[in-house]
Amino acid sequence: MSNKYKLKLYIAGRDSNAVKTISALEKLCLEFKDQFDLEILDITEVKGLAAEKGIIAVPTLIKESPPPPKYFIGDLSDTEELKLELLPNSLAEGK
């Protein structure tokens, strides 16, 4: 069983908001090295993906594992706040 955090980011095209969000999440992933597995999915490229996954707004980040799943919608550029919400306190504070 993997200890990695499995994250899926849903975007709609590569507008400035999507690029900003991707950049922030990639920075977070680099900061925590091998802790994250980030997959970026563009709902405009896969027909029916948004409906299938229940995506009603973008960007949407889903932490799929470890359980329970967590959803983050909207501006994800504040990585400090995201770390506090996403990671256990010991990991968020001490890396």
C-alpha atoms as a PDB file:
ATOM      1  CA  MET A   1       0.000   0.000   0.000  1.00  0.00           C
ATOM      2  CA  SER A   2       1.376   3.388  -1.000  1.00  0.00           C
ATOM      3  CA  ASN A   3       1.857   6.235   1.461  1.00  0.00           C
ATOM      4  CA  LYS A   4       1.540   8.799  -1.303  1.00  0.00           C
ATOM      5  CA  TYR A   5      -1.277  11.281  -1.453  1.00  0.00           C
ATOM      6  CA  LYS A   6      -3.181  10.695  -4.662  1.00  0.00           C
ATOM      7  CA  LEU A   7      -4.471  14.016  -5.997  1.00  0.00           C
ATOM      8  CA  LYS A   8      -6.565  14.732  -9.060  1.00  0.00           C
ATOM      9  CA  LEU A   9      -6.916  18.263 -10.353  1.00  0.00           C
ATOM     10  CA  TYR A  10      -9.810  18.975 -12.696  1.00  0.00           C
ATOM     11  CA  ILE A  11      -9.479  22.033 -14.931  1.00  0.00           C
ATOM     12  CA  ALA A  12     -11.296  23.376 -17.997  1.00  0.00           C
ATOM     13  CA  GLY A  13      -8.659  24.395 -20.511  1.00  0.00           C
ATOM     14  CA  ARG A  14      -5.405  26.192 -19.849  1.00  0.00           C
ATOM     15  CA  ASP A  15      -6.608  29.656 -18.901  1.00  0.00           C
ATOM     16  CA  SER A  16      -4.602  31.845 -16.516  1.00  0.00           C
ATOM     17  CA  ASN A  17      -6.468  30.468 -13.481  1.00  0.00           C
ATOM     18  CA  ALA A  18      -5.679  26.868 -14.454  1.00  0.00           C
ATOM     19  CA  VAL A  19      -2.018  27.687 -15.111  1.00  0.00           C
ATOM     20  CA  LYS A  20      -1.743  29.473 -11.741  1.00  0.00           C
ATOM     21  CA  THR A  21      -3.342  26.539  -9.926  1.00  0.00           C
ATOM     22  CA  ILE A  22      -1.163  23.954 -11.663  1.00  0.00           C
ATOM     23  CA  SER A  23       1.955  25.960 -10.842  1.00  0.00           C
ATOM     24  CA  ALA A  24       1.005  26.247  -7.155  1.00  0.00           C
ATOM     25  CA  LEU A  25       0.259  22.519  -6.857  1.00  0.00           C
ATOM     26  CA  GLU A  26       3.436  21.515  -8.664  1.00  0.00           C
ATOM     27  CA  LYS A  27       5.384  23.717  -6.226  1.00  0.00           C
ATOM     28  CA  LEU A  28       3.651  21.981  -3.316  1.00  0.00           C
ATOM     29  CA  CYS A  29       4.455  18.569  -4.798  1.00  0.00           C
ATOM     30  CA  LEU A  30       8.125  19.531  -5.160  1.00  0.00           C
ATOM     31  CA  GLU A  31       8.236  20.795  -1.587  1.00  0.00           C
ATOM     32  CA  PHE A  32       7.054  17.438  -0.305  1.00  0.00           C
ATOM     33  CA  LYS A  33       9.016  15.443  -2.890  1.00  0.00           C
ATOM     34  CA  ASP A  34       7.614  11.925  -3.132  1.00  0.00           C
ATOM     35  CA  GLN A  35       4.542  12.491  -0.948  1.00  0.00           C
ATOM     36  CA  PHE A  36       2.181  13.395  -3.810  1.00  0.00           C
ATOM     37  CA  ASP A  37       0.986  11.819  -7.014  1.00  0.00           C
ATOM     38  CA  LEU A  38      -0.725  14.626  -8.946  1.00  0.00           C
ATOM     39  CA  GLU A  39      -2.851  13.920 -12.016  1.00  0.00           C
ATOM     40  CA  ILE A  40      -4.216  16.840 -14.048  1.00  0.00           C
ATOM     41  CA  LEU A  41      -7.425  16.228 -15.981  1.00  0.00           C
ATOM     42  CA  ASP A  42      -8.918  18.686 -18.451  1.00  0.00           C
ATOM     43  CA  ILE A  43     -12.695  18.241 -18.542  1.00  0.00           C
ATOM     44  CA  THR A  44     -12.829  19.902 -21.978  1.00  0.00           C
ATOM     45  CA  GLU A  45     -10.739  17.083 -23.469  1.00  0.00           C
ATOM     46  CA  VAL A  46     -12.736  14.111 -22.193  1.00  0.00           C
ATOM     47  CA  LYS A  47     -16.432  14.156 -23.017  1.00  0.00           C
ATOM     48  CA  GLY A  48     -18.613  13.414 -20.010  1.00  0.00           C
ATOM     49  CA  LEU A  49     -15.759  13.482 -17.479  1.00  0.00           C
ATOM     50  CA  ALA A  50     -17.221  16.359 -15.447  1.00  0.00           C
ATOM     51  CA  ALA A  51     -20.616  14.676 -15.179  1.00  0.00           C
ATOM     52  CA  GLU A  52     -19.082  11.284 -14.399  1.00  0.00           C
ATOM     53  CA  LYS A  53     -16.954  12.680 -11.570  1.00  0.00           C
ATOM     54  CA  GLY A  54     -19.540  15.196 -10.319  1.00  0.00           C
ATOM     55  CA  ILE A  55     -17.371  18.210 -11.136  1.00  0.00           C
ATOM     56  CA  ILE A  56     -19.515  21.351 -11.064  1.00  0.00           C
ATOM     57  CA  ALA A  57     -16.780  23.993 -10.773  1.00  0.00           C
ATOM     58  CA  VAL A  58     -13.149  24.269 -11.781  1.00  0.00           C
ATOM     59  CA  PRO A  59     -10.518  24.086 -10.640  1.00  0.00           C
ATOM     60  CA  THR A  60     -11.417  21.198  -8.365  1.00  0.00           C
ATOM     61  CA  LEU A  61      -8.778  19.238  -6.506  1.00  0.00           C
ATOM     62  CA  ILE A  62      -9.694  15.854  -5.082  1.00  0.00           C
ATOM     63  CA  LYS A  63      -7.504  14.058  -2.563  1.00  0.00           C
ATOM     64  CA  GLU A  64      -8.473  10.478  -3.340  1.00  0.00           C
ATOM     65  CA  SER A  65      -6.127   8.769  -0.924  1.00  0.00           C
ATOM     66  CA  PRO A  66      -5.434   8.223   1.801  1.00  0.00           C
ATOM     67  CA  PRO A  67      -9.099   8.124   2.806  1.00  0.00           C
ATOM     68  CA  PRO A  68     -11.341   9.889   3.366  1.00  0.00           C
ATOM     69  CA  PRO A  69     -11.541  11.794   0.080  1.00  0.00           C
ATOM     70  CA  LYS A  70     -11.388  15.585   0.330  1.00  0.00           C
ATOM     71  CA  TYR A  71     -12.552  18.156  -2.207  1.00  0.00           C
ATOM     72  CA  PHE A  72     -11.070  21.617  -2.755  1.00  0.00           C
ATOM     73  CA  ILE A  73     -12.808  23.975  -5.168  1.00  0.00           C
ATOM     74  CA  GLY A  74     -11.708  27.322  -6.524  1.00  0.00           C
ATOM     75  CA  ASP A  75      -8.515  29.264  -5.983  1.00  0.00           C
ATOM     76  CA  LEU A  76      -5.859  26.839  -4.785  1.00  0.00           C
ATOM     77  CA  SER A  77      -2.935  29.253  -4.958  1.00  0.00           C
ATOM     78  CA  ASP A  78      -2.614  29.579  -1.158  1.00  0.00           C
ATOM     79  CA  THR A  79      -0.490  26.480  -0.683  1.00  0.00           C
ATOM     80  CA  GLU A  80       0.063  27.171   3.023  1.00  0.00           C
ATOM     81  CA  GLU A  81      -3.669  26.933   3.688  1.00  0.00           C
ATOM     82  CA  LEU A  82      -3.942  23.932   1.390  1.00  0.00           C
ATOM     83  CA  LYS A  83      -1.156  22.139   3.298  1.00  0.00           C
ATOM     84  CA  LEU A  84      -3.029  22.622   6.565  1.00  0.00           C
ATOM     85  CA  GLU A  85      -6.220  21.226   5.065  1.00  0.00           C
ATOM     86  CA  LEU A  86      -4.606  18.438   3.109  1.00  0.00           C
ATOM     87  CA  LEU A  87      -1.834  17.048   5.278  1.00  0.00           C
ATOM     88  CA  PRO A  88      -1.690  15.699   8.798  1.00  0.00           C
ATOM     89  CA  ASN A  89      -0.392  18.383  11.181  1.00  0.00           C
ATOM     90  CA  SER A  90       2.943  16.651  11.688  1.00  0.00           C
ATOM     91  CA  LEU A  91       3.667  16.569   7.967  1.00  0.00           C
ATOM     92  CA  ALA A  92       2.373  20.089   7.255  1.00  0.00           C
ATOM     93  CA  GLU A  93       4.502  21.617   9.972  1.00  0.00           C
ATOM     94  CA  GLY A  94       7.665  19.591   9.826  1.00  0.00           C
ATOM     95  CA  LYS A  95       7.858  18.059   6.374  1.00  0.00           C
END
